[in-house]
Amino acid sequence: MAKLTPKDIDSKIAAGLDESGDWIKVGMSTCGMAAGAGEVFSTLQQEAKKRNLGVRIKKCGCQGMCYAEPLVEVHCAGLPDVVYGRVDKETAIKILEKHISAKTLVNDNIYEVRTKRQA
């Protein structure tokens, strides 16, 4: 295996930080996993593929709201970014049906609305 150059590393980092298009991030930290994030992640992947939604399902770490795990952040063109909390399998499906497909928010599980992109 060839040694990576700084340019190679920069391009790999940039590819991993691509935030374009619709995406869903599931918090997969220890607290998220203990609260059921693994099942939520699997459900989102399977249902998005089954429905041919074209949304990327990604993993992320801690978002700092352990009390509300599992946390799911959703970015969908034309809507503010939303962090949903206490997401279970049924709520994950609602997020795909309502937020991604119908472009409406799932009000019962919103913990944070990000009107401006936060770094």
PDB file of N, CA and C in Angstrom:
ATOM      1  N   MET A   1       0.846  -1.173   0.000  1.00  0.00           N
ATOM      2  CA  MET A   1       0.000   0.000   0.000  1.00  0.00           C
ATOM      3  C   MET A   1       0.892   1.237   0.000  1.00  0.00           C
ATOM      4  N   ALA A   2       0.563   2.192  -0.870  1.00  0.00           N
ATOM      5  CA  ALA A   2       1.358   3.411  -1.008  1.00  0.00           C
ATOM      6  C   ALA A   2       1.094   4.367   0.148  1.00  0.00           C
ATOM      7  N   LYS A   3       2.122   5.108   0.494  1.00  0.00           N
ATOM      8  CA  LYS A   3       2.007   6.107   1.546  1.00  0.00           C
ATOM      9  C   LYS A   3       1.167   7.281   1.042  1.00  0.00           C
ATOM     10  N   LEU A   4       0.252   7.775   1.863  1.00  0.00           N
ATOM     11  CA  LEU A   4      -0.598   8.905   1.486  1.00  0.00           C
ATOM     12  C   LEU A   4       0.171  10.216   1.620  1.00  0.00           C
ATOM     13  N   THR A   5      -0.033  11.082   0.660  1.00  0.00           N
ATOM     14  CA  THR A   5       0.548  12.422   0.722  1.00  0.00           C
ATOM     15  C   THR A   5      -0.443  13.353   1.409  1.00  0.00           C
ATOM     16  N   PRO A   6       0.011  14.520   1.846  1.00  0.00           N
ATOM     17  CA  PRO A   6      -0.936  15.482   2.423  1.00  0.00           C
ATOM     18  C   PRO A   6      -2.074  15.825   1.465  1.00  0.00           C
ATOM     19  N   LYS A   7      -1.807  15.888   0.172  1.00  0.00           N
ATOM     20  CA  LYS A   7      -2.851  16.181  -0.819  1.00  0.00           C
ATOM     21  C   LYS A   7      -3.877  15.042  -0.856  1.00  0.00           C
ATOM     22  N   ASP A   8      -3.399  13.786  -0.791  1.00  0.00           N
ATOM     23  CA  ASP A   8      -4.303  12.633  -0.756  1.00  0.00           C
ATOM     24  C   ASP A   8      -5.215  12.696   0.464  1.00  0.00           C
ATOM     25  N   ILE A   9      -4.644  13.039   1.596  1.00  0.00           N
ATOM     26  CA  ILE A   9      -5.407  13.118   2.843  1.00  0.00           C
ATOM     27  C   ILE A   9      -6.454  14.225   2.752  1.00  0.00           C
ATOM     28  N   ASP A  10      -6.064  15.394   2.224  1.00  0.00           N
ATOM     29  CA  ASP A  10      -7.004  16.507   2.067  1.00  0.00           C
ATOM     30  C   ASP A  10      -8.183  16.128   1.175  1.00  0.00           C
ATOM     31  N   SER A  11      -7.920  15.404   0.086  1.00  0.00           N
ATOM     32  CA  SER A  11      -9.013  15.033  -0.823  1.00  0.00           C
ATOM     33  C   SER A  11      -9.941  14.014  -0.177  1.00  0.00           C
ATOM     34  N   LYS A  12      -9.387  13.107   0.644  1.00  0.00           N
ATOM     35  CA  LYS A  12     -10.234  12.137   1.351  1.00  0.00           C
ATOM     36  C   LYS A  12     -11.099  12.840   2.390  1.00  0.00           C
ATOM     37  N   ILE A  13     -10.535  13.811   3.081  1.00  0.00           N
ATOM     38  CA  ILE A  13     -11.302  14.578   4.068  1.00  0.00           C
ATOM     39  C   ILE A  13     -12.414  15.350   3.378  1.00  0.00           C
ATOM     40  N   ALA A  14     -12.089  16.020   2.271  1.00  0.00           N
ATOM     41  CA  ALA A  14     -13.092  16.797   1.535  1.00  0.00           C
ATOM     42  C   ALA A  14     -14.223  15.905   1.047  1.00  0.00           C
ATOM     43  N   ALA A  15     -13.904  14.715   0.576  1.00  0.00           N
ATOM     44  CA  ALA A  15     -14.941  13.787   0.105  1.00  0.00           C
ATOM     45  C   ALA A  15     -15.853  13.368   1.250  1.00  0.00           C
ATOM     46  N   GLY A  16     -15.312  13.187   2.429  1.00  0.00           N
ATOM     47  CA  GLY A  16     -16.096  12.785   3.589  1.00  0.00           C
ATOM     48  C   GLY A  16     -16.949  13.902   4.149  1.00  0.00           C
ATOM     49  N   LEU A  17     -16.606  15.144   3.836  1.00  0.00           N
ATOM     50  CA  LEU A  17     -17.348  16.296   4.347  1.00  0.00           C
ATOM     51  C   LEU A  17     -18.370  16.831   3.351  1.00  0.00           C
ATOM     52  N   ASP A  18     -18.603  16.114   2.283  1.00  0.00           N
ATOM     53  CA  ASP A  18     -19.571  16.559   1.275  1.00  0.00           C
ATOM     54  C   ASP A  18     -20.961  16.627   1.895  1.00  0.00           C
ATOM     55  N   GLU A  19     -21.515  17.825   1.966  1.00  0.00           N
ATOM     56  CA  GLU A  19     -22.819  18.037   2.592  1.00  0.00           C
ATOM     57  C   GLU A  19     -23.889  18.380   1.559  1.00  0.00           C
ATOM     58  N   SER A  20     -23.583  18.187   0.287  1.00  0.00           N
ATOM     59  CA  SER A  20     -24.560  18.529  -0.748  1.00  0.00           C
ATOM     60  C   SER A  20     -25.625  17.442  -0.860  1.00  0.00           C
ATOM     61  N   GLY A  21     -26.771  17.811  -1.415  1.00  0.00           N
ATOM     62  CA  GLY A  21     -27.865  16.855  -1.562  1.00  0.00           C
ATOM     63  C   GLY A  21     -28.579  16.615  -0.244  1.00  0.00           C
ATOM     64  N   ASP A  22     -29.617  15.806  -0.287  1.00  0.00           N
ATOM     65  CA  ASP A  22     -30.369  15.469   0.929  1.00  0.00           C
ATOM     66  C   ASP A  22     -29.629  14.383   1.697  1.00  0.00           C
ATOM     67  N   TRP A  23     -29.576  14.540   3.017  1.00  0.00           N
ATOM     68  CA  TRP A  23     -28.909  13.545   3.845  1.00  0.00           C
ATOM     69  C   TRP A  23     -29.556  13.480   5.222  1.00  0.00           C
ATOM     70  N   ILE A  24     -29.310  12.347   5.864  1.00  0.00           N
ATOM     71  CA  ILE A  24     -29.760  12.112   7.235  1.00  0.00           C
ATOM     72  C   ILE A  24     -28.569  11.573   8.007  1.00  0.00           C
ATOM     73  N   LYS A  25     -28.283  12.186   9.159  1.00  0.00           N
ATOM     74  CA  LYS A  25     -27.207  11.720  10.030  1.00  0.00           C
ATOM     75  C   LYS A  25     -27.819  11.137  11.295  1.00  0.00           C
ATOM     76  N   VAL A  26     -27.344   9.963  11.663  1.00  0.00           N
ATOM     77  CA  VAL A  26     -27.800   9.313  12.887  1.00  0.00           C
ATOM     78  C   VAL A  26     -26.649   9.318  13.879  1.00  0.00           C
ATOM     79  N   GLY A  27     -26.910   9.823  15.087  1.00  0.00           N
ATOM     80  CA  GLY A  27     -25.891   9.846  16.135  1.00  0.00           C
ATOM     81  C   GLY A  27     -25.593   8.440  16.623  1.00  0.00           C
ATOM     82  N   MET A  28     -24.365   8.000  16.378  1.00  0.00           N
ATOM     83  CA  MET A  28     -23.981   6.625  16.699  1.00  0.00           C
ATOM     84  C   MET A  28     -22.956   6.577  17.834  1.00  0.00           C
ATOM     85  N   SER A  29     -23.010   7.554  18.735  1.00  0.00           N
ATOM     86  CA  SER A  29     -22.129   7.532  19.897  1.00  0.00           C
ATOM     87  C   SER A  29     -22.616   6.452  20.865  1.00  0.00           C
ATOM     88  N   THR A  30     -21.907   6.266  21.936  1.00  0.00           N
ATOM     89  CA  THR A  30     -22.265   5.221  22.904  1.00  0.00           C
ATOM     90  C   THR A  30     -23.682   5.409  23.438  1.00  0.00           C
ATOM     91  N   CYS A  31     -24.032   6.656  23.778  1.00  0.00           N
ATOM     92  CA  CYS A  31     -25.371   6.895  24.317  1.00  0.00           C
ATOM     93  C   CYS A  31     -26.435   6.665  23.245  1.00  0.00           C
ATOM     94  N   GLY A  32     -26.137   7.038  22.012  1.00  0.00           N
ATOM     95  CA  GLY A  32     -27.071   6.797  20.918  1.00  0.00           C
ATOM     96  C   GLY A  32     -27.287   5.317  20.671  1.00  0.00           C
ATOM     97  N   MET A  33     -26.199   4.571  20.659  1.00  0.00           N
ATOM     98  CA  MET A  33     -26.297   3.125  20.441  1.00  0.00           C
ATOM     99  C   MET A  33     -27.090   2.461  21.565  1.00  0.00           C
ATOM    100  N   ALA A  34     -26.861   2.899  22.784  1.00  0.00           N
ATOM    101  CA  ALA A  34     -27.582   2.319  23.926  1.00  0.00           C
ATOM    102  C   ALA A  34     -29.079   2.613  23.845  1.00  0.00           C
ATOM    103  N   ALA A  35     -29.431   3.733  23.215  1.00  0.00           N
ATOM    104  CA  ALA A  35     -30.835   4.127  23.112  1.00  0.00           C
ATOM    105  C   ALA A  35     -31.526   3.569  21.866  1.00  0.00           C
ATOM    106  N   GLY A  36     -30.788   2.883  20.983  1.00  0.00           N
ATOM    107  CA  GLY A  36     -31.415   2.258  19.826  1.00  0.00           C
ATOM    108  C   GLY A  36     -31.044   2.843  18.481  1.00  0.00           C
ATOM    109  N   ALA A  37     -29.951   3.610  18.406  1.00  0.00           N
ATOM    110  CA  ALA A  37     -29.549   4.245  17.148  1.00  0.00           C
ATOM    111  C   ALA A  37     -29.213   3.224  16.058  1.00  0.00           C
ATOM    112  N   GLY A  38     -28.720   2.072  16.439  1.00  0.00           N
ATOM    113  CA  GLY A  38     -28.399   1.046  15.442  1.00  0.00           C
ATOM    114  C   GLY A  38     -29.633   0.614  14.661  1.00  0.00           C
ATOM    115  N   GLU A  39     -30.720   0.379  15.372  1.00  0.00           N
ATOM    116  CA  GLU A  39     -31.980  -0.007  14.722  1.00  0.00           C
ATOM    117  C   GLU A  39     -32.522   1.136  13.860  1.00  0.00           C
ATOM    118  N   VAL A  40     -32.418   2.365  14.354  1.00  0.00           N
ATOM    119  CA  VAL A  40     -32.882   3.527  13.602  1.00  0.00           C
ATOM    120  C   VAL A  40     -32.073   3.670  12.315  1.00  0.00           C
ATOM    121  N   PHE A  41     -30.751   3.536  12.407  1.00  0.00           N
ATOM    122  CA  PHE A  41     -29.887   3.644  11.235  1.00  0.00           C
ATOM    123  C   PHE A  41     -30.248   2.582  10.197  1.00  0.00           C
ATOM    124  N   SER A  42     -30.392   1.338  10.643  1.00  0.00           N
ATOM    125  CA  SER A  42     -30.753   0.243   9.733  1.00  0.00           C
ATOM    126  C   SER A  42     -32.102   0.478   9.075  1.00  0.00           C
ATOM    127  N   THR A  43     -33.070   0.918   9.856  1.00  0.00           N
ATOM    128  CA  THR A  43     -34.409   1.197   9.323  1.00  0.00           C
ATOM    129  C   THR A  43     -34.350   2.283   8.259  1.00  0.00           C
ATOM    130  N   LEU A  44     -33.634   3.369   8.548  1.00  0.00           N
ATOM    131  CA  LEU A  44     -33.523   4.454   7.582  1.00  0.00           C
ATOM    132  C   LEU A  44     -32.865   3.975   6.290  1.00  0.00           C
ATOM    133  N   GLN A  45     -31.786   3.204   6.414  1.00  0.00           N
ATOM    134  CA  GLN A  45     -31.104   2.690   5.220  1.00  0.00           C
ATOM    135  C   GLN A  45     -32.031   1.813   4.386  1.00  0.00           C
ATOM    136  N   GLN A  46     -32.673   0.849   5.037  1.00  0.00           N
ATOM    137  CA  GLN A  46     -33.534  -0.097   4.321  1.00  0.00           C
ATOM    138  C   GLN A  46     -34.732   0.596   3.679  1.00  0.00           C
ATOM    139  N   GLU A  47     -35.401   1.459   4.438  1.00  0.00           N
ATOM    140  CA  GLU A  47     -36.609   2.114   3.937  1.00  0.00           C
ATOM    141  C   GLU A  47     -36.289   3.132   2.843  1.00  0.00           C
ATOM    142  N   ALA A  48     -35.187   3.862   2.970  1.00  0.00           N
ATOM    143  CA  ALA A  48     -34.805   4.828   1.937  1.00  0.00           C
ATOM    144  C   ALA A  48     -34.472   4.109   0.637  1.00  0.00           C
ATOM    145  N   LYS A  49     -33.804   2.977   0.756  1.00  0.00           N
ATOM    146  CA  LYS A  49     -33.466   2.195  -0.443  1.00  0.00           C
ATOM    147  C   LYS A  49     -34.734   1.608  -1.068  1.00  0.00           C
ATOM    148  N   LYS A  50     -35.595   1.046  -0.220  1.00  0.00           N
ATOM    149  CA  LYS A  50     -36.843   0.437  -0.695  1.00  0.00           C
ATOM    150  C   LYS A  50     -37.716   1.452  -1.424  1.00  0.00           C
ATOM    151  N   ARG A  51     -37.727   2.696  -0.924  1.00  0.00           N
ATOM    152  CA  ARG A  51     -38.563   3.751  -1.501  1.00  0.00           C
ATOM    153  C   ARG A  51     -37.837   4.542  -2.597  1.00  0.00           C
ATOM    154  N   ASN A  52     -36.571   4.185  -2.829  1.00  0.00           N
ATOM    155  CA  ASN A  52     -35.752   4.827  -3.864  1.00  0.00           C
ATOM    156  C   ASN A  52     -35.733   6.352  -3.685  1.00  0.00           C
ATOM    157  N   LEU A  53     -35.430   6.796  -2.453  1.00  0.00           N
ATOM    158  CA  LEU A  53     -35.493   8.217  -2.131  1.00  0.00           C
ATOM    159  C   LEU A  53     -34.232   9.002  -2.514  1.00  0.00           C
ATOM    160  N   GLY A  54     -33.119   8.345  -2.673  1.00  0.00           N
ATOM    161  CA  GLY A  54     -31.896   9.047  -3.051  1.00  0.00           C
ATOM    162  C   GLY A  54     -31.316   9.922  -1.956  1.00  0.00           C
ATOM    163  N   VAL A  55     -31.690   9.673  -0.726  1.00  0.00           N
ATOM    164  CA  VAL A  55     -31.147  10.409   0.411  1.00  0.00           C
ATOM    165  C   VAL A  55     -29.992   9.589   1.002  1.00  0.00           C
ATOM    166  N   ARG A  56     -28.911  10.282   1.358  1.00  0.00           N
ATOM    167  CA  ARG A  56     -27.776   9.584   1.961  1.00  0.00           C
ATOM    168  C   ARG A  56     -28.007   9.433   3.463  1.00  0.00           C
ATOM    169  N   ILE A  57     -27.806   8.238   3.968  1.00  0.00           N
ATOM    170  CA  ILE A  57     -27.922   7.972   5.400  1.00  0.00           C
ATOM    171  C   ILE A  57     -26.500   7.836   5.927  1.00  0.00           C
ATOM    172  N   LYS A  58     -26.144   8.710   6.886  1.00  0.00           N
ATOM    173  CA  LYS A  58     -24.770   8.756   7.379  1.00  0.00           C
ATOM    174  C   LYS A  58     -24.743   8.593   8.889  1.00  0.00           C
ATOM    175  N   LYS A  59     -23.589   8.209   9.380  1.00  0.00           N
ATOM    176  CA  LYS A  59     -23.366   8.101  10.822  1.00  0.00           C
ATOM    177  C   LYS A  59     -22.597   9.330  11.284  1.00  0.00           C
ATOM    178  N   CYS A  60     -22.868   9.736  12.527  1.00  0.00           N
ATOM    179  CA  CYS A  60     -22.075  10.802  13.135  1.00  0.00           C
ATOM    180  C   CYS A  60     -21.913  10.482  14.620  1.00  0.00           C
ATOM    181  N   GLY A  61     -21.136  11.282  15.292  1.00  0.00           N
ATOM    182  CA  GLY A  61     -20.881  11.067  16.711  1.00  0.00           C
ATOM    183  C   GLY A  61     -21.860  11.834  17.577  1.00  0.00           C
ATOM    184  N   CYS A  62     -21.398  12.133  18.767  1.00  0.00           N
ATOM    185  CA  CYS A  62     -22.221  12.794  19.770  1.00  0.00           C
ATOM    186  C   CYS A  62     -22.640  14.188  19.327  1.00  0.00           C
ATOM    187  N   GLN A  63     -23.898  14.524  19.576  1.00  0.00           N
ATOM    188  CA  GLN A  63     -24.402  15.865  19.281  1.00  0.00           C
ATOM    189  C   GLN A  63     -24.701  16.623  20.564  1.00  0.00           C
ATOM    190  N   GLY A  64     -24.376  16.048  21.697  1.00  0.00           N
ATOM    191  CA  GLY A  64     -24.477  16.755  22.969  1.00  0.00           C
ATOM    192  C   GLY A  64     -25.828  16.743  23.658  1.00  0.00           C
ATOM    193  N   MET A  65     -26.775  15.983  23.149  1.00  0.00           N
ATOM    194  CA  MET A  65     -28.090  15.919  23.788  1.00  0.00           C
ATOM    195  C   MET A  65     -28.394  14.463  24.146  1.00  0.00           C
ATOM    196  N   CYS A  66     -27.574  13.895  25.003  1.00  0.00           N
ATOM    197  CA  CYS A  66     -27.689  12.478  25.351  1.00  0.00           C
ATOM    198  C   CYS A  66     -29.083  12.109  25.862  1.00  0.00           C
ATOM    199  N   TYR A  67     -29.728  13.037  26.533  1.00  0.00           N
ATOM    200  CA  TYR A  67     -31.056  12.788  27.094  1.00  0.00           C
ATOM    201  C   TYR A  67     -32.112  12.557  26.012  1.00  0.00           C
ATOM    202  N   ALA A  68     -31.822  12.953  24.766  1.00  0.00           N
ATOM    203  CA  ALA A  68     -32.811  12.859  23.692  1.00  0.00           C
ATOM    204  C   ALA A  68     -32.460  11.794  22.654  1.00  0.00           C
ATOM    205  N   GLU A  69     -31.497  10.958  22.941  1.00  0.00           N
ATOM    206  CA  GLU A  69     -31.076   9.920  21.984  1.00  0.00           C
ATOM    207  C   GLU A  69     -32.203   8.928  21.734  1.00  0.00           C
ATOM    208  N   PRO A  70     -32.213   8.309  20.584  1.00  0.00           N
ATOM    209  CA  PRO A  70     -31.381   8.505  19.411  1.00  0.00           C
ATOM    210  C   PRO A  70     -31.719   9.818  18.699  1.00  0.00           C
ATOM    211  N   LEU A  71     -30.656  10.534  18.282  1.00  0.00           N
ATOM    212  CA  LEU A  71     -30.797  11.790  17.564  1.00  0.00           C
ATOM    213  C   LEU A  71     -30.588  11.567  16.076  1.00  0.00           C
ATOM    214  N   VAL A  72     -31.394  12.246  15.288  1.00  0.00           N
ATOM    215  CA  VAL A  72     -31.314  12.159  13.831  1.00  0.00           C
ATOM    216  C   VAL A  72     -31.363  13.578  13.292  1.00  0.00           C
ATOM    217  N   GLU A  73     -30.339  13.967  12.534  1.00  0.00           N
ATOM    218  CA  GLU A  73     -30.307  15.278  11.889  1.00  0.00           C
ATOM    219  C   GLU A  73     -30.669  15.101  10.424  1.00  0.00           C
ATOM    220  N   VAL A  74     -31.546  15.967   9.916  1.00  0.00           N
ATOM    221  CA  VAL A  74     -32.028  15.846   8.539  1.00  0.00           C
ATOM    222  C   VAL A  74     -31.759  17.134   7.775  1.00  0.00           C
ATOM    223  N   HIS A  75     -31.159  16.980   6.601  1.00  0.00           N
ATOM    224  CA  HIS A  75     -30.956  18.092   5.679  1.00  0.00           C
ATOM    225  C   HIS A  75     -31.714  17.763   4.401  1.00  0.00           C
ATOM    226  N   CYS A  76     -32.664  18.615   4.068  1.00  0.00           N
ATOM    227  CA  CYS A  76     -33.496  18.403   2.884  1.00  0.00           C
ATOM    228  C   CYS A  76     -33.652  19.759   2.200  1.00  0.00           C
ATOM    229  N   ALA A  77     -33.348  19.818   0.917  1.00  0.00           N
ATOM    230  CA  ALA A  77     -33.415  21.076   0.173  1.00  0.00           C
ATOM    231  C   ALA A  77     -34.776  21.748   0.366  1.00  0.00           C
ATOM    232  N   GLY A  78     -34.733  23.054   0.631  1.00  0.00           N
ATOM    233  CA  GLY A  78     -35.956  23.826   0.782  1.00  0.00           C
ATOM    234  C   GLY A  78     -36.506  23.871   2.198  1.00  0.00           C
ATOM    235  N   LEU A  79     -35.895  23.133   3.120  1.00  0.00           N
ATOM    236  CA  LEU A  79     -36.338  23.112   4.519  1.00  0.00           C
ATOM    237  C   LEU A  79     -35.146  23.421   5.420  1.00  0.00           C
ATOM    238  N   PRO A  80     -35.428  23.917   6.642  1.00  0.00           N
ATOM    239  CA  PRO A  80     -34.311  24.091   7.571  1.00  0.00           C
ATOM    240  C   PRO A  80     -33.786  22.732   8.011  1.00  0.00           C
ATOM    241  N   ASP A  81     -32.521  22.697   8.420  1.00  0.00           N
ATOM    242  CA  ASP A  81     -31.991  21.467   8.993  1.00  0.00           C
ATOM    243  C   ASP A  81     -32.671  21.247  10.349  1.00  0.00           C
ATOM    244  N   VAL A  82     -33.020  20.011  10.617  1.00  0.00           N
ATOM    245  CA  VAL A  82     -33.752  19.682  11.833  1.00  0.00           C
ATOM    246  C   VAL A  82     -33.063  18.531  12.555  1.00  0.00           C
ATOM    247  N   VAL A  83     -32.988  18.641  13.888  1.00  0.00           N
ATOM    248  CA  VAL A  83     -32.521  17.533  14.715  1.00  0.00           C
ATOM    249  C   VAL A  83     -33.744  16.961  15.406  1.00  0.00           C
ATOM    250  N   TYR A  84     -34.022  15.703  15.113  1.00  0.00           N
ATOM    251  CA  TYR A  84     -35.120  14.988  15.755  1.00  0.00           C
ATOM    252  C   TYR A  84     -34.544  14.171  16.902  1.00  0.00           C
ATOM    253  N   GLY A  85     -35.281  14.105  18.003  1.00  0.00           N
ATOM    254  CA  GLY A  85     -34.841  13.343  19.162  1.00  0.00           C
ATOM    255  C   GLY A  85     -35.821  12.252  19.526  1.00  0.00           C
ATOM    256  N   ARG A  86     -35.323  11.314  20.315  1.00  0.00           N
ATOM    257  CA  ARG A  86     -36.107  10.156  20.753  1.00  0.00           C
ATOM    258  C   ARG A  86     -36.738   9.440  19.560  1.00  0.00           C
ATOM    259  N   VAL A  87     -35.899   9.242  18.538  1.00  0.00           N
ATOM    260  CA  VAL A  87     -36.362   8.620  17.299  1.00  0.00           C
ATOM    261  C   VAL A  87     -36.350   7.109  17.451  1.00  0.00           C
ATOM    262  N   ASP A  88     -37.473   6.494  17.124  1.00  0.00           N
ATOM    263  CA  ASP A  88     -37.558   5.029  17.098  1.00  0.00           C
ATOM    264  C   ASP A  88     -37.823   4.613  15.651  1.00  0.00           C
ATOM    265  N   LYS A  89     -38.052   3.339  15.451  1.00  0.00           N
ATOM    266  CA  LYS A  89     -38.263   2.809  14.103  1.00  0.00           C
ATOM    267  C   LYS A  89     -39.442   3.495  13.401  1.00  0.00           C
ATOM    268  N   GLU A  90     -40.542   3.666  14.094  1.00  0.00           N
ATOM    269  CA  GLU A  90     -41.736   4.280  13.508  1.00  0.00           C
ATOM    270  C   GLU A  90     -41.490   5.743  13.157  1.00  0.00           C
ATOM    271  N   THR A  91     -40.795   6.463  14.040  1.00  0.00           N
ATOM    272  CA  THR A  91     -40.485   7.865  13.776  1.00  0.00           C
ATOM    273  C   THR A  91     -39.522   7.988  12.598  1.00  0.00           C
ATOM    274  N   ALA A  92     -38.585   7.068  12.494  1.00  0.00           N
ATOM    275  CA  ALA A  92     -37.645   7.074  11.362  1.00  0.00           C
ATOM    276  C   ALA A  92     -38.402   6.964  10.037  1.00  0.00           C
ATOM    277  N   ILE A  93     -39.387   6.109   9.996  1.00  0.00           N
ATOM    278  CA  ILE A  93     -40.198   5.953   8.780  1.00  0.00           C
ATOM    279  C   ILE A  93     -40.994   7.236   8.508  1.00  0.00           C
ATOM    280  N   LYS A  94     -41.542   7.864   9.569  1.00  0.00           N
ATOM    281  CA  LYS A  94     -42.256   9.137   9.404  1.00  0.00           C
ATOM    282  C   LYS A  94     -41.333  10.212   8.838  1.00  0.00           C
ATOM    283  N   ILE A  95     -40.090  10.232   9.295  1.00  0.00           N
ATOM    284  CA  ILE A  95     -39.126  11.217   8.805  1.00  0.00           C
ATOM    285  C   ILE A  95     -38.925  11.049   7.300  1.00  0.00           C
ATOM    286  N   LEU A  96     -38.808   9.807   6.855  1.00  0.00           N
ATOM    287  CA  LEU A  96     -38.655   9.566   5.415  1.00  0.00           C
ATOM    288  C   LEU A  96     -39.906   9.953   4.645  1.00  0.00           C
ATOM    289  N   GLU A  97     -41.073   9.573   5.181  1.00  0.00           N
ATOM    290  CA  GLU A  97     -42.332   9.845   4.485  1.00  0.00           C
ATOM    291  C   GLU A  97     -42.682  11.327   4.470  1.00  0.00           C
ATOM    292  N   LYS A  98     -42.528  11.986   5.621  1.00  0.00           N
ATOM    293  CA  LYS A  98     -42.970  13.371   5.737  1.00  0.00           C
ATOM    294  C   LYS A  98     -41.868  14.371   5.400  1.00  0.00           C
ATOM    295  N   HIS A  99     -40.737  14.275   6.079  1.00  0.00           N
ATOM    296  CA  HIS A  99     -39.691  15.277   5.903  1.00  0.00           C
ATOM    297  C   HIS A  99     -39.035  15.157   4.525  1.00  0.00           C
ATOM    298  N   ILE A 100     -38.605  13.964   4.165  1.00  0.00           N
ATOM    299  CA  ILE A 100     -37.899  13.782   2.896  1.00  0.00           C
ATOM    300  C   ILE A 100     -38.859  13.772   1.708  1.00  0.00           C
ATOM    301  N   SER A 101     -39.914  12.980   1.762  1.00  0.00           N
ATOM    302  CA  SER A 101     -40.816  12.846   0.609  1.00  0.00           C
ATOM    303  C   SER A 101     -41.818  13.985   0.479  1.00  0.00           C
ATOM    304  N   ALA A 102     -42.514  14.322   1.565  1.00  0.00           N
ATOM    305  CA  ALA A 102     -43.579  15.324   1.506  1.00  0.00           C
ATOM    306  C   ALA A 102     -43.105  16.737   1.827  1.00  0.00           C
ATOM    307  N   LYS A 103     -41.838  16.875   2.242  1.00  0.00           N
ATOM    308  CA  LYS A 103     -41.247  18.196   2.558  1.00  0.00           C
ATOM    309  C   LYS A 103     -41.997  18.926   3.668  1.00  0.00           C
ATOM    310  N   THR A 104     -42.420  18.168   4.694  1.00  0.00           N
ATOM    311  CA  THR A 104     -43.025  18.755   5.887  1.00  0.00           C
ATOM    312  C   THR A 104     -42.296  18.223   7.108  1.00  0.00           C
ATOM    313  N   LEU A 105     -42.330  18.961   8.194  1.00  0.00           N
ATOM    314  CA  LEU A 105     -41.607  18.560   9.396  1.00  0.00           C
ATOM    315  C   LEU A 105     -42.431  17.605  10.254  1.00  0.00           C
ATOM    316  N   VAL A 106     -41.739  16.749  10.983  1.00  0.00           N
ATOM    317  CA  VAL A 106     -42.373  15.820  11.922  1.00  0.00           C
ATOM    318  C   VAL A 106     -42.314  16.506  13.289  1.00  0.00           C
ATOM    319  N   ASN A 107     -43.323  17.317  13.572  1.00  0.00           N
ATOM    320  CA  ASN A 107     -43.290  18.230  14.714  1.00  0.00           C
ATOM    321  C   ASN A 107     -43.119  17.576  16.079  1.00  0.00           C
ATOM    322  N   ASP A 108     -43.646  16.407  16.298  1.00  0.00           N
ATOM    323  CA  ASP A 108     -43.622  15.794  17.630  1.00  0.00           C
ATOM    324  C   ASP A 108     -42.226  15.457  18.132  1.00  0.00           C
ATOM    325  N   ASN A 109     -41.249  15.337  17.272  1.00  0.00           N
ATOM    326  CA  ASN A 109     -39.922  14.893  17.683  1.00  0.00           C
ATOM    327  C   ASN A 109     -38.825  15.918  17.427  1.00  0.00           C
ATOM    328  N   ILE A 110     -39.177  17.153  17.126  1.00  0.00           N
ATOM    329  CA  ILE A 110     -38.159  18.168  16.848  1.00  0.00           C
ATOM    330  C   ILE A 110     -37.518  18.634  18.154  1.00  0.00           C
ATOM    331  N   TYR A 111     -36.188  18.583  18.183  1.00  0.00           N
ATOM    332  CA  TYR A 111     -35.436  19.089  19.319  1.00  0.00           C
ATOM    333  C   TYR A 111     -34.663  20.347  18.962  1.00  0.00           C
ATOM    334  N   GLU A 112     -34.358  20.530  17.684  1.00  0.00           N
ATOM    335  CA  GLU A 112     -33.634  21.721  17.262  1.00  0.00           C
ATOM    336  C   GLU A 112     -33.908  21.979  15.787  1.00  0.00           C
ATOM    337  N   VAL A 113     -34.117  23.261  15.449  1.00  0.00           N
ATOM    338  CA  VAL A 113     -34.254  23.681  14.062  1.00  0.00           C
ATOM    339  C   VAL A 113     -33.095  24.620  13.768  1.00  0.00           C
ATOM    340  N   ARG A 114     -32.356  24.292  12.742  1.00  0.00           N
ATOM    341  CA  ARG A 114     -31.183  25.087  12.365  1.00  0.00           C
ATOM    342  C   ARG A 114     -31.509  25.823  11.071  1.00  0.00           C
ATOM    343  N   THR A 115     -31.849  27.105  11.201  1.00  0.00           N
ATOM    344  CA  THR A 115     -32.208  27.885  10.021  1.00  0.00           C
ATOM    345  C   THR A 115     -30.981  28.318   9.250  1.00  0.00           C
ATOM    346  N   LYS A 116     -29.847  28.356   9.887  1.00  0.00           N
ATOM    347  CA  LYS A 116     -28.596  28.737   9.259  1.00  0.00           C
ATOM    348  C   LYS A 116     -27.617  27.593   9.467  1.00  0.00           C
ATOM    349  N   ARG A 117     -26.867  27.233   8.444  1.00  0.00           N
ATOM    350  CA  ARG A 117     -25.908  26.122   8.560  1.00  0.00           C
ATOM    351  C   ARG A 117     -24.942  26.405   9.693  1.00  0.00           C
ATOM    352  N   GLN A 118     -24.829  25.447  10.605  1.00  0.00           N
ATOM    353  CA  GLN A 118     -23.894  25.573  11.714  1.00  0.00           C
ATOM    354  C   GLN A 118     -22.700  24.676  11.455  1.00  0.00           C
ATOM    355  N   ALA A 119     -21.526  25.203  11.691  1.00  0.00           N
ATOM    356  CA  ALA A 119     -20.308  24.413  11.459  1.00  0.00           C
ATOM    357  C   ALA A 119     -19.977  23.558  12.641  1.00  0.00           C
TER     358      ALA A 119
END
